[in-house]
N, C-alpha and C. Protein backbone atom coordinates (compact mmCIF):
# COMPACT_ATOMS: atom_id res chain seq x y z
N MET A 1 6.84 111.36 -19.57
CA MET A 1 5.42 111.53 -19.15
C MET A 1 5.34 111.60 -17.57
N PHE A 2 6.14 110.77 -16.91
CA PHE A 2 6.07 110.81 -15.47
C PHE A 2 6.53 112.12 -14.92
N ARG A 3 7.51 112.77 -15.55
CA ARG A 3 8.00 114.06 -15.05
C ARG A 3 6.89 115.13 -15.29
N TRP A 4 6.24 115.06 -16.39
CA TRP A 4 5.17 116.01 -16.63
C TRP A 4 4.06 115.93 -15.64
N VAL A 5 3.63 114.69 -15.35
CA VAL A 5 2.53 114.48 -14.40
C VAL A 5 2.98 114.91 -13.00
N ARG A 6 4.22 114.52 -12.63
CA ARG A 6 4.74 114.91 -11.33
C ARG A 6 4.84 116.47 -11.23
N GLY A 7 5.27 117.11 -12.26
CA GLY A 7 5.33 118.60 -12.27
C GLY A 7 3.96 119.17 -12.12
N ALA A 8 2.96 118.61 -12.77
CA ALA A 8 1.59 119.15 -12.71
C ALA A 8 1.05 118.95 -11.26
N VAL A 9 1.30 117.82 -10.70
CA VAL A 9 0.81 117.53 -9.33
C VAL A 9 1.46 118.43 -8.31
N LEU A 10 2.81 118.67 -8.42
CA LEU A 10 3.52 119.58 -7.55
C LEU A 10 3.00 121.00 -7.74
N GLY A 11 2.73 121.41 -8.98
CA GLY A 11 2.24 122.78 -9.23
C GLY A 11 0.90 122.98 -8.63
N ILE A 12 -0.01 122.02 -8.78
CA ILE A 12 -1.35 122.13 -8.17
C ILE A 12 -1.24 122.12 -6.66
N SER A 13 -0.38 121.31 -6.10
CA SER A 13 -0.21 121.29 -4.69
C SER A 13 0.31 122.63 -4.17
N ALA A 14 1.18 123.25 -4.91
CA ALA A 14 1.78 124.55 -4.44
C ALA A 14 0.68 125.60 -4.50
N VAL A 15 -0.14 125.60 -5.56
CA VAL A 15 -1.22 126.58 -5.62
C VAL A 15 -2.21 126.39 -4.53
N SER A 16 -2.58 125.06 -4.23
CA SER A 16 -3.54 124.83 -3.12
C SER A 16 -2.98 125.26 -1.80
N ALA A 17 -1.71 124.95 -1.57
CA ALA A 17 -1.06 125.34 -0.30
C ALA A 17 -1.10 126.84 -0.11
N THR A 18 -0.74 127.52 -1.21
CA THR A 18 -0.73 128.99 -1.11
C THR A 18 -2.11 129.54 -0.86
N PHE A 19 -3.10 129.06 -1.53
CA PHE A 19 -4.47 129.49 -1.30
C PHE A 19 -4.89 129.25 0.08
N LEU A 20 -4.61 128.01 0.66
CA LEU A 20 -5.07 127.76 2.00
C LEU A 20 -4.21 128.55 3.05
N TRP A 21 -3.03 128.93 2.69
CA TRP A 21 -2.21 129.76 3.55
C TRP A 21 -2.79 131.17 3.62
N ILE A 22 -3.26 131.66 2.50
CA ILE A 22 -3.86 133.08 2.42
C ILE A 22 -5.22 133.06 3.05
N PHE A 23 -5.99 132.00 2.78
CA PHE A 23 -7.39 131.97 3.31
C PHE A 23 -7.51 130.77 4.20
N PRO A 24 -7.04 130.84 5.49
CA PRO A 24 -7.09 129.68 6.37
C PRO A 24 -8.51 129.24 6.79
N ALA A 25 -9.49 130.17 6.69
CA ALA A 25 -10.87 129.78 7.07
C ALA A 25 -11.40 128.73 6.09
N VAL A 26 -10.94 128.76 4.87
CA VAL A 26 -11.45 127.71 3.91
C VAL A 26 -10.99 126.33 4.38
N SER A 27 -9.78 126.19 4.77
CA SER A 27 -9.32 124.85 5.26
C SER A 27 -10.09 124.43 6.50
N LEU A 28 -10.41 125.38 7.38
CA LEU A 28 -11.14 124.96 8.56
C LEU A 28 -12.53 124.56 8.20
N TRP A 29 -13.16 125.27 7.24
CA TRP A 29 -14.50 124.87 6.75
C TRP A 29 -14.55 123.52 6.10
N LEU A 30 -13.56 123.27 5.25
CA LEU A 30 -13.50 122.02 4.52
C LEU A 30 -13.21 120.89 5.50
N GLY A 31 -12.38 121.15 6.45
CA GLY A 31 -12.05 120.10 7.46
C GLY A 31 -13.25 119.75 8.26
N SER A 32 -14.12 120.67 8.62
CA SER A 32 -15.31 120.40 9.32
C SER A 32 -16.34 119.63 8.47
N CYS A 33 -16.29 119.86 7.18
CA CYS A 33 -17.21 119.19 6.26
C CYS A 33 -16.87 117.69 6.06
N PHE A 34 -15.56 117.41 5.98
CA PHE A 34 -15.16 116.04 5.67
C PHE A 34 -14.76 115.21 6.92
N ARG A 35 -15.17 115.66 8.05
CA ARG A 35 -14.82 114.95 9.29
C ARG A 35 -15.39 113.55 9.30
N ASN A 36 -16.66 113.42 8.89
CA ASN A 36 -17.26 112.12 8.87
C ASN A 36 -18.36 112.14 7.73
N PHE A 37 -18.99 111.07 7.50
CA PHE A 37 -19.90 110.93 6.40
C PHE A 37 -21.11 111.88 6.55
N SER A 38 -21.59 112.03 7.73
CA SER A 38 -22.76 112.89 7.94
C SER A 38 -22.38 114.39 7.65
N SER A 39 -21.21 114.73 7.98
CA SER A 39 -20.74 116.13 7.66
C SER A 39 -20.60 116.28 6.14
N PHE A 40 -20.15 115.23 5.47
CA PHE A 40 -20.10 115.30 4.01
C PHE A 40 -21.45 115.54 3.40
N SER A 41 -22.47 114.91 3.96
CA SER A 41 -23.83 115.09 3.40
C SER A 41 -24.32 116.51 3.57
N TYR A 42 -23.87 117.21 4.70
CA TYR A 42 -24.22 118.55 4.88
C TYR A 42 -23.50 119.41 3.84
N PHE A 43 -22.24 119.05 3.59
CA PHE A 43 -21.43 119.77 2.60
C PHE A 43 -22.06 119.69 1.21
N PHE A 44 -22.52 118.47 0.86
CA PHE A 44 -23.10 118.31 -0.46
C PHE A 44 -24.42 119.08 -0.54
N GLY A 45 -25.17 119.12 0.48
CA GLY A 45 -26.51 119.87 0.48
C GLY A 45 -26.26 121.36 0.19
N ASP A 46 -25.20 121.90 0.74
CA ASP A 46 -24.87 123.30 0.52
C ASP A 46 -24.61 123.56 -0.98
N PHE A 47 -23.85 122.63 -1.53
CA PHE A 47 -23.53 122.86 -2.93
C PHE A 47 -24.67 122.57 -3.91
N SER A 48 -25.58 121.73 -3.53
CA SER A 48 -26.68 121.42 -4.44
C SER A 48 -27.54 122.74 -4.61
N GLY A 49 -27.64 123.46 -3.56
CA GLY A 49 -28.38 124.79 -3.69
C GLY A 49 -27.68 125.77 -4.59
N TYR A 50 -26.32 125.79 -4.59
CA TYR A 50 -25.54 126.66 -5.48
C TYR A 50 -25.69 126.22 -6.93
N PHE A 51 -25.67 124.90 -7.09
CA PHE A 51 -25.86 124.40 -8.51
C PHE A 51 -27.22 124.69 -9.01
N ALA A 52 -28.21 124.63 -8.21
CA ALA A 52 -29.58 124.99 -8.70
C ALA A 52 -29.64 126.44 -9.09
N VAL A 53 -29.05 127.38 -8.38
CA VAL A 53 -29.00 128.77 -8.69
C VAL A 53 -28.31 128.99 -10.05
N VAL A 54 -27.13 128.29 -10.19
CA VAL A 54 -26.39 128.43 -11.42
C VAL A 54 -27.16 127.91 -12.62
N ARG A 55 -27.88 126.83 -12.43
CA ARG A 55 -28.69 126.26 -13.53
C ARG A 55 -29.85 127.18 -13.87
N ILE A 56 -30.50 127.77 -12.92
CA ILE A 56 -31.61 128.67 -13.18
C ILE A 56 -31.11 129.91 -13.93
N MET A 57 -29.95 130.43 -13.52
CA MET A 57 -29.32 131.58 -14.14
C MET A 57 -28.90 131.33 -15.57
N SER A 58 -28.59 130.05 -15.92
CA SER A 58 -28.10 129.77 -17.29
C SER A 58 -29.24 129.52 -18.23
N ILE A 59 -30.50 129.36 -17.67
CA ILE A 59 -31.63 129.15 -18.61
C ILE A 59 -32.03 130.43 -19.28
């Protein structure tokens, strides 16, 4: 079980690292959002608008 979980974690880490290597602007944007709590609240506000659009489109 431990090997399976470790393999999954390493696989996800490899995919994330590759994605951030290809798209470095994403890591810069996320870094600026999680710098402190007030930045996190700005980050959450952006996503709440996206969720509202998705919910309206699914109705």
